[in-house]
Amino acid sequence: MMAYSFLQHKIMGAIEADDEYWRWLEEGEFRLPRCASCQHWTWPAHFRCGRCGSWEFEWTAIAPEGRIFSWTRSWYAFDRVMERKKDVPYITIVTELPAAGGARVMGVLTGDTSNVRIGMAVRGTIQPPSAKTKFYPSVTWEIVR
């Protein structure tokens, strides 16, 4: 199967408020939305700021660095993620990002995962779209030692 870009995927109807997140990842940049009025970070993305009601957001570049907020190890390739069958078992983490007001994003943990713990420092790497990620760009995380 041939890879296609976010824009092509969007035409097929996938997402809306977080469109810019996927566009920026595809460009190789990690950005999250911040209210243009009150500067509150809003993730997951919304069309309107929950703090002040503004409709305007700035997609602000930040380093994909944070701490593991939670994690789980998948031992089975469920039907909707059969693309990851060869990776089983794998760990999915929720990373808390201090640079984005504590916003939390998900991703797969790579590298040595034998001693994973909540609170460990991690750094993200942007991956290009692939069949494994259902043709979305993604962020993988690695423990910072």
C-alpha atoms as a PDB file:
ATOM      1  CA  MET A   1       0.000   0.000   0.000  1.00  0.00           C
ATOM      2  CA  MET A   2       1.354   3.415  -0.919  1.00  0.00           C
ATOM      3  CA  ALA A   3       1.749   6.064   1.786  1.00  0.00           C
ATOM      4  CA  TYR A   4      -0.194   9.266   1.468  1.00  0.00           C
ATOM      5  CA  SER A   5      -0.042  12.585   3.250  1.00  0.00           C
ATOM      6  CA  PHE A   6      -2.186  14.115   5.969  1.00  0.00           C
ATOM      7  CA  LEU A   7      -3.911  16.295   3.385  1.00  0.00           C
ATOM      8  CA  GLN A   8      -4.952  13.247   1.375  1.00  0.00           C
ATOM      9  CA  HIS A   9      -6.134  11.551   4.560  1.00  0.00           C
ATOM     10  CA  LYS A  10      -8.080  14.673   5.547  1.00  0.00           C
ATOM     11  CA  ILE A  11      -9.972  14.587   2.273  1.00  0.00           C
ATOM     12  CA  MET A  12     -11.134  11.121   3.316  1.00  0.00           C
ATOM     13  CA  GLY A  13     -12.615  12.735   6.452  1.00  0.00           C
ATOM     14  CA  ALA A  14     -10.738  12.065   9.665  1.00  0.00           C
ATOM     15  CA  ILE A  15     -10.269  14.969  12.073  1.00  0.00           C
ATOM     16  CA  GLU A  16     -11.024  18.660  12.531  1.00  0.00           C
ATOM     17  CA  ALA A  17      -9.931  20.672  15.588  1.00  0.00           C
ATOM     18  CA  ASP A  18      -6.534  18.980  15.649  1.00  0.00           C
ATOM     19  CA  ASP A  19      -5.787  19.351  11.919  1.00  0.00           C
ATOM     20  CA  GLU A  20      -2.875  21.691  12.626  1.00  0.00           C
ATOM     21  CA  TYR A  21      -1.283  19.158  14.995  1.00  0.00           C
ATOM     22  CA  TRP A  22      -1.076  16.587  12.191  1.00  0.00           C
ATOM     23  CA  ARG A  23       0.036  19.160   9.611  1.00  0.00           C
ATOM     24  CA  TRP A  24       2.887  20.353  11.818  1.00  0.00           C
ATOM     25  CA  LEU A  25       3.980  16.791  12.636  1.00  0.00           C
ATOM     26  CA  GLU A  26       4.066  16.045   8.930  1.00  0.00           C
ATOM     27  CA  GLU A  27       6.339  19.101   8.553  1.00  0.00           C
ATOM     28  CA  GLY A  28       8.590  17.706  11.303  1.00  0.00           C
ATOM     29  CA  GLU A  29       7.526  20.123  14.055  1.00  0.00           C
ATOM     30  CA  PHE A  30       5.887  19.389  17.398  1.00  0.00           C
ATOM     31  CA  ARG A  31       3.296  22.091  18.088  1.00  0.00           C
ATOM     32  CA  LEU A  32       0.322  22.343  20.415  1.00  0.00           C
ATOM     33  CA  PRO A  33      -2.505  24.902  20.533  1.00  0.00           C
ATOM     34  CA  ARG A  34      -2.382  27.836  22.896  1.00  0.00           C
ATOM     35  CA  CYS A  35      -5.158  30.389  23.267  1.00  0.00           C
ATOM     36  CA  ALA A  36      -4.185  33.630  21.535  1.00  0.00           C
ATOM     37  CA  SER A  37      -6.101  35.603  24.173  1.00  0.00           C
ATOM     38  CA  CYS A  38      -5.325  34.108  27.606  1.00  0.00           C
ATOM     39  CA  GLN A  39      -2.334  31.892  26.614  1.00  0.00           C
ATOM     40  CA  HIS A  40      -3.943  28.750  28.094  1.00  0.00           C
ATOM     41  CA  TRP A  41      -2.712  25.501  26.523  1.00  0.00           C
ATOM     42  CA  THR A  42      -5.571  23.448  25.122  1.00  0.00           C
ATOM     43  CA  TRP A  43      -4.980  19.779  24.444  1.00  0.00           C
ATOM     44  CA  PRO A  44      -6.727  17.847  23.087  1.00  0.00           C
ATOM     45  CA  ALA A  45      -7.425  20.585  20.575  1.00  0.00           C
ATOM     46  CA  HIS A  46     -10.787  22.370  20.619  1.00  0.00           C
ATOM     47  CA  PHE A  47     -12.320  25.100  18.512  1.00  0.00           C
ATOM     48  CA  ARG A  48     -12.847  27.375  21.517  1.00  0.00           C
ATOM     49  CA  CYS A  49     -10.793  28.094  24.636  1.00  0.00           C
ATOM     50  CA  GLY A  50     -12.359  26.524  27.711  1.00  0.00           C
ATOM     51  CA  ARG A  51     -10.856  29.180  29.961  1.00  0.00           C
ATOM     52  CA  CYS A  52     -11.732  32.496  28.290  1.00  0.00           C
ATOM     53  CA  GLY A  53     -14.000  31.540  25.372  1.00  0.00           C
ATOM     54  CA  SER A  54     -11.729  32.842  22.608  1.00  0.00           C
ATOM     55  CA  TRP A  55     -11.928  31.211  19.180  1.00  0.00           C
ATOM     56  CA  GLU A  56      -8.323  32.073  18.281  1.00  0.00           C
ATOM     57  CA  PHE A  57      -5.405  29.696  18.831  1.00  0.00           C
ATOM     58  CA  GLU A  58      -1.690  29.850  18.109  1.00  0.00           C
ATOM     59  CA  TRP A  59       0.030  26.565  17.311  1.00  0.00           C
ATOM     60  CA  THR A  60       3.188  26.937  19.369  1.00  0.00           C
ATOM     61  CA  ALA A  61       6.352  24.910  18.775  1.00  0.00           C
ATOM     62  CA  ILE A  62       7.712  23.159  21.855  1.00  0.00           C
ATOM     63  CA  ALA A  63      10.333  20.501  22.447  1.00  0.00           C
ATOM     64  CA  PRO A  64       8.717  17.058  22.727  1.00  0.00           C
ATOM     65  CA  GLU A  65      10.117  16.484  26.211  1.00  0.00           C
ATOM     66  CA  GLY A  66       8.354  15.505  29.375  1.00  0.00           C
ATOM     67  CA  ARG A  67       7.699  12.804  31.943  1.00  0.00           C
ATOM     68  CA  ILE A  68       5.730   9.582  31.792  1.00  0.00           C
ATOM     69  CA  PHE A  69       2.310  10.256  33.305  1.00  0.00           C
ATOM     70  CA  SER A  70       0.984   6.733  32.686  1.00  0.00           C
ATOM     71  CA  TRP A  71       1.804   3.676  30.614  1.00  0.00           C
ATOM     72  CA  THR A  72       0.482   0.312  29.512  1.00  0.00           C
ATOM     73  CA  ARG A  73       2.036  -2.709  27.828  1.00  0.00           C
ATOM     74  CA  SER A  74       0.055  -4.272  24.967  1.00  0.00           C
ATOM     75  CA  TRP A  75       0.436  -8.046  24.751  1.00  0.00           C
ATOM     76  CA  TYR A  76      -2.079  -8.574  21.982  1.00  0.00           C
ATOM     77  CA  ALA A  77      -2.538  -7.077  18.516  1.00  0.00           C
ATOM     78  CA  PHE A  78      -6.190  -6.062  18.495  1.00  0.00           C
ATOM     79  CA  ASP A  79      -8.068  -5.967  15.201  1.00  0.00           C
ATOM     80  CA  ARG A  80      -7.769  -2.172  14.795  1.00  0.00           C
ATOM     81  CA  VAL A  81      -4.004  -2.186  15.311  1.00  0.00           C
ATOM     82  CA  MET A  82      -2.937  -5.299  13.439  1.00  0.00           C
ATOM     83  CA  GLU A  83      -0.221  -3.149  11.836  1.00  0.00           C
ATOM     84  CA  ARG A  84       1.604  -3.410  15.187  1.00  0.00           C
ATOM     85  CA  LYS A  85       1.409  -7.206  15.410  1.00  0.00           C
ATOM     86  CA  LYS A  86       5.180  -7.602  14.903  1.00  0.00           C
ATOM     87  CA  ASP A  87       5.834  -5.096  17.729  1.00  0.00           C
ATOM     88  CA  VAL A  88       3.922  -7.017  20.430  1.00  0.00           C
ATOM     89  CA  PRO A  89       4.562  -6.574  23.273  1.00  0.00           C
ATOM     90  CA  TYR A  90       4.921  -2.784  23.113  1.00  0.00           C
ATOM     91  CA  ILE A  91       4.367   0.076  25.530  1.00  0.00           C
ATOM     92  CA  THR A  92       2.118   3.068  24.974  1.00  0.00           C
ATOM     93  CA  ILE A  93       2.708   6.058  27.222  1.00  0.00           C
ATOM     94  CA  VAL A  94       0.984   9.295  28.106  1.00  0.00           C
ATOM     95  CA  THR A  95       3.622  12.009  28.376  1.00  0.00           C
ATOM     96  CA  GLU A  96       3.066  15.121  30.459  1.00  0.00           C
ATOM     97  CA  LEU A  97       4.683  18.174  28.865  1.00  0.00           C
ATOM     98  CA  PRO A  98       5.742  20.912  31.325  1.00  0.00           C
ATOM     99  CA  ALA A  99       6.503  23.315  28.440  1.00  0.00           C
ATOM    100  CA  ALA A 100       2.818  23.099  27.424  1.00  0.00           C
ATOM    101  CA  GLY A 101       1.285  23.706  30.838  1.00  0.00           C
ATOM    102  CA  GLY A 102       1.146  19.993  31.628  1.00  0.00           C
ATOM    103  CA  ALA A 103      -0.697  18.975  28.457  1.00  0.00           C
ATOM    104  CA  ARG A 104      -0.551  15.204  27.909  1.00  0.00           C
ATOM    105  CA  VAL A 105       0.043  13.392  24.634  1.00  0.00           C
ATOM    106  CA  MET A 106       0.220   9.701  23.769  1.00  0.00           C
ATOM    107  CA  GLY A 107       2.760   7.682  21.851  1.00  0.00           C
ATOM    108  CA  VAL A 108       4.678   4.432  21.695  1.00  0.00           C
ATOM    109  CA  LEU A 109       7.760   4.017  23.874  1.00  0.00           C
ATOM    110  CA  THR A 110      10.847   2.784  22.019  1.00  0.00           C
ATOM    111  CA  GLY A 111      14.283   1.653  23.153  1.00  0.00           C
ATOM    112  CA  ASP A 112      14.885  -0.175  26.426  1.00  0.00           C
ATOM    113  CA  THR A 113      11.506  -0.466  28.167  1.00  0.00           C
ATOM    114  CA  SER A 114      12.498  -3.042  30.797  1.00  0.00           C
ATOM    115  CA  ASN A 115      12.401  -0.662  33.787  1.00  0.00           C
ATOM    116  CA  VAL A 116       9.730   1.835  32.724  1.00  0.00           C
ATOM    117  CA  ARG A 117       8.242   3.861  35.591  1.00  0.00           C
ATOM    118  CA  ILE A 118       5.854   6.754  35.981  1.00  0.00           C
ATOM    119  CA  GLY A 119       7.784  10.022  36.245  1.00  0.00           C
ATOM    120  CA  MET A 120      10.688   8.997  34.007  1.00  0.00           C
ATOM    121  CA  ALA A 121      11.962  11.706  31.655  1.00  0.00           C
ATOM    122  CA  VAL A 122      11.256  11.044  27.960  1.00  0.00           C
ATOM    123  CA  ARG A 123      12.043  12.724  24.667  1.00  0.00           C
ATOM    124  CA  GLY A 124       9.903  12.432  21.542  1.00  0.00           C
ATOM    125  CA  THR A 125      10.888  11.856  17.947  1.00  0.00           C
ATOM    126  CA  ILE A 126       8.536  12.638  15.078  1.00  0.00           C
ATOM    127  CA  GLN A 127       7.985   9.704  12.733  1.00  0.00           C
ATOM    128  CA  PRO A 128       6.694  10.104   9.166  1.00  0.00           C
ATOM    129  CA  PRO A 129       3.363   8.608   8.133  1.00  0.00           C
ATOM    130  CA  SER A 130       3.450   4.860   7.562  1.00  0.00           C
ATOM    131  CA  ALA A 131       1.152   1.869   7.255  1.00  0.00           C
ATOM    132  CA  LYS A 132       1.910   1.074  10.911  1.00  0.00           C
ATOM    133  CA  THR A 133       0.481   4.457  11.968  1.00  0.00           C
ATOM    134  CA  LYS A 134      -2.508   4.330   9.619  1.00  0.00           C
ATOM    135  CA  PHE A 135      -0.707   6.945   7.499  1.00  0.00           C
ATOM    136  CA  TYR A 136      -0.607   9.615  10.177  1.00  0.00           C
ATOM    137  CA  PRO A 137       2.701  11.079  11.317  1.00  0.00           C
ATOM    138  CA  SER A 138       3.397  10.075  14.924  1.00  0.00           C
ATOM    139  CA  VAL A 139       5.582  10.733  17.926  1.00  0.00           C
ATOM    140  CA  THR A 140       7.570   7.922  19.496  1.00  0.00           C
ATOM    141  CA  TRP A 141       9.123   8.401  22.924  1.00  0.00           C
ATOM    142  CA  GLU A 142      12.381   7.227  24.418  1.00  0.00           C
ATOM    143  CA  ILE A 143      13.507   7.311  28.032  1.00  0.00           C
ATOM    144  CA  VAL A 144      16.194   9.947  28.690  1.00  0.00           C
ATOM    145  CA  ARG A 145      19.010   8.334  30.658  1.00  0.00           C
END
